[in-house]
N, C-alpha and C. Protein backbone atom coordinates (compact mmCIF):
# COMPACT_ATOMS: atom_id res chain seq x y z
N UNK A 1 0.83 -1.21 0.00
CA UNK A 1 0.00 0.00 0.00
C UNK A 1 0.86 1.26 0.00
N UNK A 2 1.94 1.21 0.77
CA UNK A 2 2.82 2.38 0.82
C UNK A 2 3.48 2.64 -0.53
N UNK A 3 3.86 1.56 -1.23
CA UNK A 3 4.50 1.73 -2.53
C UNK A 3 3.51 2.31 -3.54
N UNK A 4 2.25 1.88 -3.53
CA UNK A 4 1.25 2.40 -4.47
C UNK A 4 1.00 3.88 -4.22
N UNK A 5 0.90 4.26 -2.96
CA UNK A 5 0.66 5.66 -2.62
C UNK A 5 1.83 6.53 -3.06
N UNK A 6 3.02 6.05 -2.86
CA UNK A 6 4.21 6.81 -3.25
C UNK A 6 4.29 6.94 -4.77
N UNK A 7 3.92 5.89 -5.49
CA UNK A 7 3.92 5.95 -6.95
C UNK A 7 2.89 6.95 -7.47
N UNK A 8 1.73 7.02 -6.81
CA UNK A 8 0.71 8.00 -7.21
C UNK A 8 1.20 9.43 -6.98
N UNK A 9 1.88 9.66 -5.88
CA UNK A 9 2.42 11.00 -5.62
C UNK A 9 3.49 11.38 -6.63
N UNK A 10 4.31 10.43 -7.03
CA UNK A 10 5.33 10.71 -8.04
C UNK A 10 4.69 11.04 -9.39
N UNK A 11 3.64 10.31 -9.77
CA UNK A 11 2.95 10.60 -11.03
C UNK A 11 2.28 11.97 -10.99
N UNK A 12 1.66 12.29 -9.86
CA UNK A 12 1.02 13.60 -9.73
C UNK A 12 2.04 14.72 -9.81
N UNK A 13 3.20 14.53 -9.21
CA UNK A 13 4.26 15.54 -9.28
C UNK A 13 4.73 15.74 -10.72
N UNK A 14 4.80 14.66 -11.50
CA UNK A 14 5.20 14.79 -12.90
C UNK A 14 4.21 15.62 -13.68
N UNK A 15 2.92 15.33 -13.52
CA UNK A 15 1.91 16.06 -14.28
C UNK A 15 1.84 17.53 -13.87
N UNK A 16 1.97 17.79 -12.58
CA UNK A 16 1.98 19.19 -12.13
C UNK A 16 3.21 19.91 -12.67
N UNK A 17 4.32 19.20 -12.72
CA UNK A 17 5.56 19.79 -13.22
C UNK A 17 5.48 20.08 -14.71
N UNK A 18 4.66 19.31 -15.43
CA UNK A 18 4.52 19.54 -16.86
C UNK A 18 3.88 20.90 -17.17
N UNK A 19 3.10 21.44 -16.24
CA UNK A 19 2.50 22.76 -16.45
C UNK A 19 3.59 23.81 -16.59
N UNK A 20 4.58 23.75 -15.72
CA UNK A 20 5.71 24.68 -15.81
C UNK A 20 6.48 24.46 -17.11
N UNK A 21 6.62 23.20 -17.52
CA UNK A 21 7.32 22.91 -18.77
C UNK A 21 6.60 23.44 -19.98
N UNK A 22 5.26 23.35 -19.99
CA UNK A 22 4.50 23.88 -21.13
C UNK A 22 4.63 25.39 -21.24
N UNK A 23 4.68 26.07 -20.10
CA UNK A 23 4.88 27.52 -20.12
C UNK A 23 6.26 27.85 -20.69
N UNK A 24 7.27 27.08 -20.29
CA UNK A 24 8.62 27.29 -20.83
C UNK A 24 8.68 27.07 -22.34
N UNK A 25 8.03 26.02 -22.83
CA UNK A 25 8.02 25.76 -24.28
C UNK A 25 7.30 26.87 -25.02
N UNK A 26 6.19 27.35 -24.46
CA UNK A 26 5.46 28.45 -25.10
C UNK A 26 6.31 29.72 -25.17
N UNK A 27 7.07 29.99 -24.11
CA UNK A 27 7.93 31.17 -24.12
C UNK A 27 9.05 31.03 -25.15
N UNK A 28 9.60 29.83 -25.29
CA UNK A 28 10.66 29.62 -26.28
C UNK A 28 10.11 29.81 -27.70
N UNK A 29 8.94 29.26 -27.99
CA UNK A 29 8.34 29.40 -29.32
C UNK A 29 8.04 30.86 -29.63
N UNK A 30 7.49 31.58 -28.65
CA UNK A 30 7.21 33.00 -28.86
C UNK A 30 8.50 33.79 -29.01
N UNK A 31 9.54 33.39 -28.29
CA UNK A 31 10.82 34.07 -28.42
C UNK A 31 11.43 33.87 -29.80
N UNK A 32 11.33 32.65 -30.34
CA UNK A 32 11.82 32.41 -31.70
C UNK A 32 11.04 33.22 -32.73
N UNK A 33 9.74 33.34 -32.50
CA UNK A 33 8.94 34.17 -33.42
C UNK A 33 9.39 35.63 -33.35
N UNK A 34 9.69 36.15 -32.16
CA UNK A 34 10.16 37.53 -32.05
C UNK A 34 11.53 37.70 -32.70
N UNK A 35 12.40 36.69 -32.57
CA UNK A 35 13.70 36.75 -33.23
C UNK A 35 13.54 36.81 -34.74
N UNK A 36 12.62 36.02 -35.27
CA UNK A 36 12.40 36.00 -36.71
C UNK A 36 11.90 37.36 -37.21
N UNK A 37 10.96 37.95 -36.48
CA UNK A 37 10.45 39.26 -36.87
C UNK A 37 11.53 40.32 -36.76
N UNK A 38 12.35 40.23 -35.69
CA UNK A 38 13.42 41.22 -35.51
C UNK A 38 14.46 41.11 -36.62
N UNK A 39 14.84 39.90 -36.99
CA UNK A 39 15.80 39.74 -38.08
C UNK A 39 15.23 40.21 -39.41
N UNK A 40 13.97 39.99 -39.63
CA UNK A 40 13.34 40.46 -40.87
C UNK A 40 13.34 41.99 -40.94
N UNK A 41 13.03 42.64 -39.82
CA UNK A 41 13.06 44.11 -39.80
C UNK A 41 14.49 44.63 -39.94
N UNK A 42 15.45 43.91 -39.35
CA UNK A 42 16.84 44.37 -39.45
C UNK A 42 17.37 44.21 -40.87
N UNK A 43 17.03 43.12 -41.54
CA UNK A 43 17.50 42.90 -42.90
C UNK A 43 16.86 43.88 -43.89
N UNK A 44 15.65 44.32 -43.57
CA UNK A 44 15.01 45.28 -44.47
C UNK A 44 15.66 46.65 -44.41
N UNK A 45 16.40 46.92 -43.31
CA UNK A 45 17.10 48.19 -43.18
C UNK A 45 16.20 49.36 -42.84
N UNK A 46 14.96 49.07 -42.47
CA UNK A 46 14.04 50.16 -42.16
C UNK A 46 14.33 50.78 -40.81
N UNK A 47 14.92 50.02 -39.90
CA UNK A 47 15.17 50.52 -38.55
C UNK A 47 16.59 50.18 -38.15
N UNK A 48 17.24 51.12 -37.50
CA UNK A 48 18.60 50.90 -37.03
C UNK A 48 18.56 50.60 -35.53
N UNK A 49 19.16 49.48 -35.17
CA UNK A 49 19.17 49.07 -33.77
C UNK A 49 20.54 49.37 -33.17
N UNK A 50 20.56 50.26 -32.21
CA UNK A 50 21.83 50.63 -31.58
C UNK A 50 22.13 49.77 -30.36
N UNK A 51 21.13 49.11 -29.82
CA UNK A 51 21.33 48.26 -28.65
C UNK A 51 20.80 46.86 -28.94
N UNK A 52 21.19 45.93 -28.08
CA UNK A 52 20.79 44.54 -28.27
C UNK A 52 19.33 44.35 -27.87
N UNK A 53 18.65 43.41 -28.49
CA UNK A 53 17.24 43.13 -28.14
C UNK A 53 17.15 42.35 -26.83
N UNK A 54 17.30 43.03 -25.72
CA UNK A 54 17.38 42.38 -24.43
C UNK A 54 16.09 41.63 -24.09
N UNK A 55 14.94 42.18 -24.51
CA UNK A 55 13.68 41.55 -24.13
C UNK A 55 13.54 40.17 -24.78
N UNK A 56 13.96 40.05 -26.03
CA UNK A 56 13.87 38.77 -26.72
C UNK A 56 14.79 37.75 -26.05
N UNK A 57 16.02 38.18 -25.74
CA UNK A 57 16.96 37.28 -25.09
C UNK A 57 16.47 36.86 -23.70
N UNK A 58 15.91 37.80 -22.96
CA UNK A 58 15.39 37.49 -21.62
C UNK A 58 14.20 36.54 -21.71
N UNK A 59 13.35 36.72 -22.71
CA UNK A 59 12.20 35.85 -22.89
C UNK A 59 12.65 34.42 -23.21
N UNK A 60 13.60 34.31 -24.13
CA UNK A 60 14.13 32.99 -24.48
C UNK A 60 14.84 32.34 -23.29
N UNK A 61 15.64 33.13 -22.58
CA UNK A 61 16.36 32.58 -21.42
C UNK A 61 15.42 32.09 -20.35
N UNK A 62 14.34 32.83 -20.12
CA UNK A 62 13.38 32.39 -19.10
C UNK A 62 12.69 31.10 -19.52
N UNK A 63 12.39 30.97 -20.80
CA UNK A 63 11.78 29.74 -21.28
C UNK A 63 12.70 28.55 -21.13
N UNK A 64 13.99 28.74 -21.43
CA UNK A 64 14.96 27.65 -21.26
C UNK A 64 15.11 27.27 -19.80
N UNK A 65 15.12 28.26 -18.91
CA UNK A 65 15.23 27.98 -17.47
C UNK A 65 14.04 27.17 -16.98
N UNK A 66 12.84 27.52 -17.42
CA UNK A 66 11.65 26.77 -17.01
C UNK A 66 11.70 25.33 -17.52
N UNK A 67 12.19 25.13 -18.72
CA UNK A 67 12.32 23.77 -19.25
C UNK A 67 13.35 22.96 -18.45
N UNK A 68 14.45 23.60 -18.06
CA UNK A 68 15.45 22.91 -17.24
C UNK A 68 14.89 22.55 -15.87
N UNK A 69 14.11 23.46 -15.29
CA UNK A 69 13.49 23.16 -14.00
C UNK A 69 12.52 21.99 -14.13
N UNK A 70 11.79 21.95 -15.25
CA UNK A 70 10.88 20.82 -15.49
C UNK A 70 11.65 19.51 -15.60
N UNK A 71 12.79 19.55 -16.27
CA UNK A 71 13.60 18.33 -16.40
C UNK A 71 14.13 17.87 -15.05
N UNK A 72 14.58 18.82 -14.22
CA UNK A 72 15.06 18.47 -12.88
C UNK A 72 13.93 17.88 -12.06
N UNK A 73 12.73 18.47 -12.18
CA UNK A 73 11.59 17.92 -11.46
C UNK A 73 11.20 16.54 -11.91
N UNK A 74 11.33 16.28 -13.22
CA UNK A 74 11.02 14.93 -13.73
C UNK A 74 12.02 13.91 -13.17
N UNK A 75 13.29 14.26 -13.15
CA UNK A 75 14.30 13.35 -12.60
C UNK A 75 14.06 13.12 -11.11
N UNK A 76 13.73 14.20 -10.40
CA UNK A 76 13.49 14.07 -8.96
C UNK A 76 12.27 13.20 -8.69
N UNK A 77 11.22 13.33 -9.52
CA UNK A 77 10.02 12.52 -9.32
C UNK A 77 10.27 11.06 -9.66
N UNK A 78 11.09 10.80 -10.68
CA UNK A 78 11.37 9.41 -11.08
C UNK A 78 12.22 8.68 -10.04
N UNK A 79 13.26 9.36 -9.57
CA UNK A 79 14.18 8.70 -8.65
C UNK A 79 13.75 8.80 -7.19
N UNK A 80 12.98 9.86 -6.86
CA UNK A 80 12.59 10.11 -5.46
C UNK A 80 13.81 10.18 -4.56
N UNK A 81 14.92 10.69 -5.12
CA UNK A 81 16.15 10.84 -4.36
C UNK A 81 16.08 12.09 -3.50
N UNK A 82 16.56 12.00 -2.28
CA UNK A 82 16.48 13.14 -1.37
C UNK A 82 17.26 14.33 -1.85
N UNK A 83 18.43 14.12 -2.44
CA UNK A 83 19.25 15.23 -2.93
C UNK A 83 18.57 15.92 -4.11
N UNK A 84 18.05 15.15 -5.06
CA UNK A 84 17.36 15.73 -6.21
C UNK A 84 16.11 16.49 -5.79
N UNK A 85 15.36 15.91 -4.86
CA UNK A 85 14.15 16.58 -4.39
C UNK A 85 14.48 17.88 -3.66
N UNK A 86 15.56 17.89 -2.88
CA UNK A 86 15.95 19.11 -2.18
C UNK A 86 16.39 20.19 -3.17
N UNK A 87 17.15 19.80 -4.19
CA UNK A 87 17.59 20.76 -5.20
C UNK A 87 16.41 21.33 -5.96
N UNK A 88 15.47 20.48 -6.32
CA UNK A 88 14.28 20.94 -7.05
C UNK A 88 13.44 21.89 -6.17
N UNK A 89 13.27 21.55 -4.91
CA UNK A 89 12.49 22.39 -4.01
C UNK A 89 13.15 23.75 -3.82
N UNK A 90 14.48 23.78 -3.70
CA UNK A 90 15.18 25.05 -3.55
C UNK A 90 15.02 25.93 -4.79
N UNK A 91 15.12 25.32 -5.97
CA UNK A 91 14.98 26.10 -7.22
C UNK A 91 13.56 26.64 -7.35
N UNK A 92 12.57 25.83 -7.03
CA UNK A 92 11.19 26.28 -7.14
C UNK A 92 10.89 27.40 -6.14
N UNK A 93 11.39 27.29 -4.93
CA UNK A 93 11.20 28.36 -3.94
C UNK A 93 11.86 29.65 -4.40
N UNK A 94 13.05 29.54 -4.97
CA UNK A 94 13.74 30.72 -5.48
C UNK A 94 12.97 31.35 -6.64
N UNK A 95 12.43 30.51 -7.53
CA UNK A 95 11.65 31.02 -8.66
C UNK A 95 10.39 31.73 -8.19
N UNK A 96 9.69 31.15 -7.22
CA UNK A 96 8.48 31.79 -6.69
C UNK A 96 8.82 33.11 -6.02
N UNK A 97 9.94 33.17 -5.31
CA UNK A 97 10.36 34.41 -4.65
C UNK A 97 10.63 35.50 -5.69
N UNK A 98 11.29 35.15 -6.78
CA UNK A 98 11.56 36.13 -7.84
C UNK A 98 10.26 36.61 -8.48
N UNK A 99 9.34 35.69 -8.72
CA UNK A 99 8.06 36.06 -9.31
C UNK A 99 7.28 37.01 -8.40
N UNK A 100 7.30 36.74 -7.10
CA UNK A 100 6.60 37.62 -6.15
C UNK A 100 7.25 39.01 -6.13
N UNK A 101 8.57 39.06 -6.18
CA UNK A 101 9.26 40.35 -6.16
C UNK A 101 8.94 41.15 -7.42
N UNK A 102 8.95 40.50 -8.58
CA UNK A 102 8.64 41.20 -9.83
C UNK A 102 7.19 41.68 -9.83
N UNK A 103 6.27 40.83 -9.37
CA UNK A 103 4.86 41.22 -9.33
C UNK A 103 4.64 42.38 -8.37
N UNK A 104 5.29 42.35 -7.21
CA UNK A 104 5.15 43.45 -6.26
C UNK A 104 5.71 44.75 -6.82
N UNK A 105 6.83 44.67 -7.55
CA UNK A 105 7.41 45.88 -8.15
C UNK A 105 6.49 46.47 -9.21
N UNK A 106 5.85 45.60 -10.00
CA UNK A 106 4.95 46.10 -11.05
C UNK A 106 3.69 46.72 -10.44
N UNK A 107 3.18 46.12 -9.37
CA UNK A 107 1.94 46.61 -8.78
C UNK A 107 2.15 47.84 -7.90
N UNK A 108 3.28 47.92 -7.22
CA UNK A 108 3.49 49.00 -6.27
C UNK A 108 4.26 50.18 -6.86
N UNK A 109 5.06 49.93 -7.87
CA UNK A 109 5.86 50.98 -8.48
C UNK A 109 5.20 51.41 -9.79
N UNK A 110 4.72 52.63 -9.83
CA UNK A 110 4.04 53.12 -11.04
C UNK A 110 5.02 53.41 -12.17
N UNK A 111 6.28 53.63 -11.85
CA UNK A 111 7.29 53.94 -12.87
C UNK A 111 8.25 52.76 -13.07
N UNK A 112 7.73 51.55 -13.01
CA UNK A 112 8.61 50.38 -13.11
C UNK A 112 9.19 50.24 -14.51
N UNK A 113 8.52 50.79 -15.52
CA UNK A 113 9.04 50.68 -16.88
C UNK A 113 10.33 51.47 -17.06
N UNK A 114 10.52 52.52 -16.26
CA UNK A 114 11.73 53.32 -16.39
C UNK A 114 12.96 52.58 -15.88
N UNK A 115 12.75 51.55 -15.06
CA UNK A 115 13.89 50.77 -14.56
C UNK A 115 14.44 49.82 -15.60
N UNK A 116 13.73 49.59 -16.68
CA UNK A 116 14.16 48.68 -17.72
C UNK A 116 14.88 49.44 -18.83
N UNK A 117 15.86 48.81 -19.46
CA UNK A 117 16.52 49.48 -20.60
C UNK A 117 15.58 49.59 -21.80
N UNK A 118 15.94 50.43 -22.72
CA UNK A 118 15.10 50.64 -23.90
C UNK A 118 15.16 49.42 -24.81
N UNK A 119 13.98 49.00 -25.27
CA UNK A 119 13.90 47.85 -26.16
C UNK A 119 13.88 48.36 -27.60
N UNK A 120 14.93 48.10 -28.38
CA UNK A 120 14.98 48.65 -29.74
C UNK A 120 14.02 47.96 -30.70
N UNK A 121 13.61 46.75 -30.39
CA UNK A 121 12.75 46.02 -31.32
C UNK A 121 11.29 46.39 -31.19
N UNK A 122 10.88 46.96 -30.08
CA UNK A 122 9.47 47.28 -29.87
C UNK A 122 8.63 46.09 -29.47
N UNK A 123 9.25 44.92 -29.28
CA UNK A 123 8.49 43.72 -28.91
C UNK A 123 7.96 43.81 -27.48
N UNK A 124 8.69 44.53 -26.62
CA UNK A 124 8.23 44.66 -25.24
C UNK A 124 6.93 45.44 -25.17
N UNK A 125 6.84 46.51 -25.93
CA UNK A 125 5.60 47.30 -25.94
C UNK A 125 4.45 46.49 -26.53
N UNK A 126 4.72 45.72 -27.57
CA UNK A 126 3.66 44.89 -28.14
C UNK A 126 3.18 43.83 -27.16
N UNK A 127 4.12 43.22 -26.46
CA UNK A 127 3.75 42.20 -25.48
C UNK A 127 2.98 42.83 -24.32
N UNK A 128 3.37 44.01 -23.89
CA UNK A 128 2.66 44.69 -22.81
C UNK A 128 1.24 45.03 -23.21
N UNK A 129 1.06 45.52 -24.43
CA UNK A 129 -0.30 45.82 -24.91
C UNK A 129 -1.15 44.55 -25.02
N UNK A 130 -0.50 43.45 -25.43
CA UNK A 130 -1.23 42.19 -25.55
C UNK A 130 -1.68 41.67 -24.19
N UNK A 131 -0.83 41.82 -23.18
CA UNK A 131 -1.20 41.38 -21.84
C UNK A 131 -2.33 42.25 -21.29
N UNK A 132 -2.25 43.57 -21.51
CA UNK A 132 -3.30 44.46 -21.01
C UNK A 132 -4.64 44.19 -21.68
N UNK A 133 -4.62 43.85 -22.96
CA UNK A 133 -5.87 43.59 -23.66
C UNK A 133 -6.48 42.24 -23.27
N UNK A 134 -5.66 41.34 -22.76
CA UNK A 134 -6.15 40.02 -22.31
C UNK A 134 -5.78 39.80 -20.85
N UNK A 135 -6.07 40.80 -20.04
CA UNK A 135 -5.62 40.77 -18.65
C UNK A 135 -6.27 39.63 -17.87
N UNK A 136 -7.56 39.39 -18.09
CA UNK A 136 -8.25 38.34 -17.33
C UNK A 136 -7.67 36.97 -17.64
N UNK A 137 -7.36 36.72 -18.92
CA UNK A 137 -6.79 35.43 -19.30
C UNK A 137 -5.42 35.24 -18.67
N UNK A 138 -4.58 36.27 -18.74
CA UNK A 138 -3.23 36.16 -18.17
C UNK A 138 -3.28 36.08 -16.65
N UNK A 139 -4.29 36.67 -16.04
CA UNK A 139 -4.41 36.58 -14.58
C UNK A 139 -4.66 35.13 -14.16
N UNK A 140 -5.55 34.45 -14.85
CA UNK A 140 -5.83 33.05 -14.52
C UNK A 140 -4.65 32.16 -14.87
N UNK A 141 -3.95 32.47 -15.94
CA UNK A 141 -2.76 31.69 -16.29
C UNK A 141 -1.70 31.84 -15.22
N UNK A 142 -1.50 33.07 -14.74
CA UNK A 142 -0.52 33.30 -13.68
C UNK A 142 -0.89 32.57 -12.39
N UNK A 143 -2.20 32.57 -12.04
CA UNK A 143 -2.62 31.85 -10.84
C UNK A 143 -2.44 30.35 -11.01
N UNK A 144 -2.69 29.83 -12.22
CA UNK A 144 -2.49 28.40 -12.47
C UNK A 144 -1.02 28.02 -12.34
N UNK A 145 -0.14 28.86 -12.87
CA UNK A 145 1.30 28.58 -12.77
C UNK A 145 1.75 28.62 -11.32
N UNK A 146 1.29 29.63 -10.58
CA UNK A 146 1.67 29.73 -9.17
C UNK A 146 1.13 28.55 -8.36
N UNK A 147 -0.09 28.12 -8.67
CA UNK A 147 -0.67 26.97 -7.98
C UNK A 147 0.12 25.69 -8.30
N UNK A 148 0.51 25.54 -9.56
CA UNK A 148 1.30 24.36 -9.94
C UNK A 148 2.65 24.35 -9.25
N UNK A 149 3.28 25.50 -9.14
CA UNK A 149 4.57 25.56 -8.46
C UNK A 149 4.44 25.27 -6.97
N UNK A 150 3.40 25.83 -6.34
CA UNK A 150 3.18 25.54 -4.92
C UNK A 150 2.86 24.08 -4.66
N UNK A 151 2.05 23.48 -5.54
CA UNK A 151 1.73 22.06 -5.38
C UNK A 151 2.96 21.19 -5.61
N UNK A 152 3.84 21.61 -6.52
CA UNK A 152 5.08 20.85 -6.74
C UNK A 152 5.94 20.86 -5.49
N UNK A 153 6.03 22.01 -4.83
CA UNK A 153 6.81 22.08 -3.60
C UNK A 153 6.19 21.21 -2.51
N UNK A 154 4.86 21.22 -2.41
CA UNK A 154 4.18 20.41 -1.40
C UNK A 154 4.42 18.91 -1.64
N UNK A 155 4.31 18.48 -2.89
CA UNK A 155 4.56 17.08 -3.20
C UNK A 155 6.02 16.70 -2.96
N UNK A 156 6.93 17.64 -3.22
CA UNK A 156 8.34 17.37 -2.95
C UNK A 156 8.58 17.17 -1.46
N UNK A 157 7.94 17.98 -0.63
CA UNK A 157 8.10 17.83 0.82
C UNK A 157 7.55 16.48 1.27
N UNK A 158 6.41 16.07 0.71
CA UNK A 158 5.84 14.78 1.10
C UNK A 158 6.74 13.62 0.69
N UNK A 159 7.30 13.70 -0.53
CA UNK A 159 8.17 12.62 -1.00
C UNK A 159 9.50 12.58 -0.24
N UNK A 160 9.93 13.73 0.30
CA UNK A 160 11.17 13.76 1.06
C UNK A 160 10.99 13.26 2.48
N UNK A 161 9.77 13.04 2.92
CA UNK A 161 9.54 12.58 4.28
C UNK A 161 10.18 11.21 4.46
N UNK A 162 11.04 11.07 5.45
CA UNK A 162 11.70 9.76 5.65
C UNK A 162 10.69 8.69 6.00
N UNK A 163 10.92 7.50 5.46
CA UNK A 163 10.03 6.38 5.71
C UNK A 163 10.56 5.55 6.88
N UNK A 164 9.68 5.09 7.73
CA UNK A 164 10.14 4.22 8.82
C UNK A 164 10.66 2.90 8.27
N UNK A 165 11.66 2.39 8.93
CA UNK A 165 12.30 1.17 8.46
C UNK A 165 11.51 -0.08 8.76
N UNK A 166 10.97 -0.16 9.97
CA UNK A 166 10.27 -1.38 10.36
C UNK A 166 9.05 -1.01 11.17
N UNK A 167 8.11 -1.91 11.18
CA UNK A 167 6.91 -1.70 11.96
C UNK A 167 5.96 -2.86 11.79
N UNK A 168 4.99 -2.99 12.68
CA UNK A 168 4.09 -4.14 12.59
C UNK A 168 3.02 -4.01 11.54
N UNK A 169 2.80 -2.79 10.97
CA UNK A 169 1.67 -2.58 10.06
C UNK A 169 2.08 -2.53 8.62
N UNK A 170 3.32 -2.85 8.26
CA UNK A 170 3.75 -2.77 6.87
C UNK A 170 3.22 -3.99 6.12
N UNK A 171 2.70 -3.70 4.91
CA UNK A 171 2.19 -4.75 4.06
C UNK A 171 3.11 -5.06 2.91
N UNK A 172 4.10 -4.23 2.68
CA UNK A 172 4.99 -4.40 1.54
C UNK A 172 6.21 -5.19 1.98
N UNK A 173 6.22 -6.47 1.65
CA UNK A 173 7.34 -7.30 2.08
C UNK A 173 8.58 -7.09 1.25
N UNK A 174 8.39 -6.58 -0.01
CA UNK A 174 9.56 -6.36 -0.86
C UNK A 174 10.36 -5.15 -0.41
N UNK A 175 9.63 -4.10 0.02
CA UNK A 175 10.33 -2.88 0.41
C UNK A 175 10.91 -2.98 1.80
N UNK A 176 10.26 -3.71 2.68
CA UNK A 176 10.74 -3.87 4.04
C UNK A 176 10.89 -5.37 4.32
N UNK A 177 12.04 -5.95 4.02
CA UNK A 177 12.21 -7.39 4.21
C UNK A 177 12.09 -7.76 5.68
N UNK A 178 11.35 -8.82 5.91
CA UNK A 178 11.16 -9.28 7.27
C UNK A 178 12.32 -10.17 7.69
N UNK A 179 12.55 -10.21 8.96
CA UNK A 179 13.60 -11.06 9.48
C UNK A 179 13.17 -12.52 9.38
N UNK A 180 14.04 -13.35 8.84
CA UNK A 180 13.72 -14.77 8.68
C UNK A 180 13.87 -15.47 10.03
N UNK A 181 12.77 -16.06 10.44
CA UNK A 181 12.77 -16.78 11.70
C UNK A 181 12.51 -18.25 11.42
N UNK A 182 13.13 -19.15 12.14
CA UNK A 182 12.87 -20.59 11.92
C UNK A 182 11.48 -20.97 12.36
N UNK A 183 10.97 -22.00 11.74
CA UNK A 183 9.64 -22.46 12.11
C UNK A 183 9.62 -22.98 13.55
N UNK A 184 10.63 -23.70 13.91
CA UNK A 184 10.75 -24.20 15.27
C UNK A 184 12.01 -23.65 15.90
N UNK A 185 11.93 -23.33 17.13
CA UNK A 185 13.09 -22.79 17.81
C UNK A 185 14.18 -23.83 17.94
N UNK A 186 15.41 -23.36 17.76
CA UNK A 186 16.54 -24.26 17.91
C UNK A 186 16.90 -24.37 19.38
N UNK A 187 16.15 -25.19 20.08
CA UNK A 187 16.47 -25.39 21.50
C UNK A 187 17.63 -26.37 21.61
N UNK A 188 18.53 -26.12 22.48
CA UNK A 188 19.65 -27.07 22.61
C UNK A 188 19.15 -28.44 23.03
N UNK A 189 19.69 -29.51 22.44
CA UNK A 189 19.22 -30.86 22.80
C UNK A 189 19.57 -31.19 24.23
N UNK A 190 18.72 -31.97 24.83
CA UNK A 190 19.03 -32.31 26.25
C UNK A 190 20.29 -33.15 26.33
N UNK A 191 21.00 -33.05 27.40
CA UNK A 191 22.24 -33.84 27.53
C UNK A 191 21.92 -35.32 27.58
N UNK A 192 22.74 -36.14 26.99
CA UNK A 192 22.48 -37.60 27.02
C UNK A 192 22.56 -38.12 28.45
N UNK A 193 21.73 -39.12 28.63
CA UNK A 193 21.71 -39.72 29.97
C UNK A 193 22.95 -40.60 30.16
N UNK A 194 23.63 -40.34 31.22
CA UNK A 194 24.83 -41.14 31.54
C UNK A 194 24.45 -42.20 32.57
N UNK A 195 24.65 -43.40 32.18
CA UNK A 195 24.32 -44.51 33.10
C UNK A 195 25.58 -44.85 33.89
N UNK A 196 25.53 -44.56 35.11
CA UNK A 196 26.69 -44.85 35.97
C UNK A 196 26.67 -46.30 36.42
N UNK A 197 27.80 -46.88 36.56
CA UNK A 197 27.83 -48.27 37.07
C UNK A 197 27.28 -48.33 38.48
N UNK A 198 26.57 -49.42 38.78
CA UNK A 198 25.97 -49.48 40.14
C UNK A 198 27.03 -49.50 41.22
N UNK A 199 26.74 -48.76 42.21
CA UNK A 199 27.69 -48.69 43.34
C UNK A 199 27.41 -49.84 44.28
N UNK A 200 28.41 -50.70 44.55
CA UNK A 200 28.28 -51.83 45.47
C UNK A 200 28.96 -51.47 46.79
N UNK A 201 28.21 -51.69 47.77
CA UNK A 201 28.79 -51.40 49.09
C UNK A 201 29.79 -52.49 49.46
N UNK A 202 30.82 -52.09 49.99
CA UNK A 202 31.87 -53.05 50.36
C UNK A 202 31.41 -53.86 51.58
N UNK A 203 31.51 -55.19 51.47
CA UNK A 203 31.08 -56.08 52.57
C UNK A 203 32.32 -56.57 53.31
N UNK A 204 32.33 -56.36 54.54
CA UNK A 204 33.44 -56.79 55.36
C UNK A 204 33.17 -58.16 55.91
């Protein structure tokens, strides 16, 4: 029973982790599309770019990082190794902390756009307008991603819980081998009876 429950938790962790992976793949695909548009505009010579397209590179880098985190989570779920689970949990906690800091800066700082360098491609402004026009959809997507990350951390903590070695209620004999006991106790055999010669009293 314990092995079945643990296998279900590992499968659930994989599927929850796939949500983060799908977001990473979507970001990579959108980043490649922005690179293609930027190269087409640059080859046409209509616009001169004096600085690097930081937004495109940041978008692609974030997508690659999410895919790597998904891969680490898949390995951790397959092996259920304590070291892998700890590494995955630390990375996910760090990612959630960064997301909270960025969200707080955007919501509390009205001039947060001035802290960013100028985007020569104009893709950042287009993406910002797209998010504003579909704010409700992106809000639910963000909540789904945050929920998936939190659930991944919770499942990681459960899988890292040390298992007791022995106990009277374990049903899994393969995972917890029982001590082999003999059917009958090896009691030492009784000593052989020694027949002493009869003692004859001396007759005077």
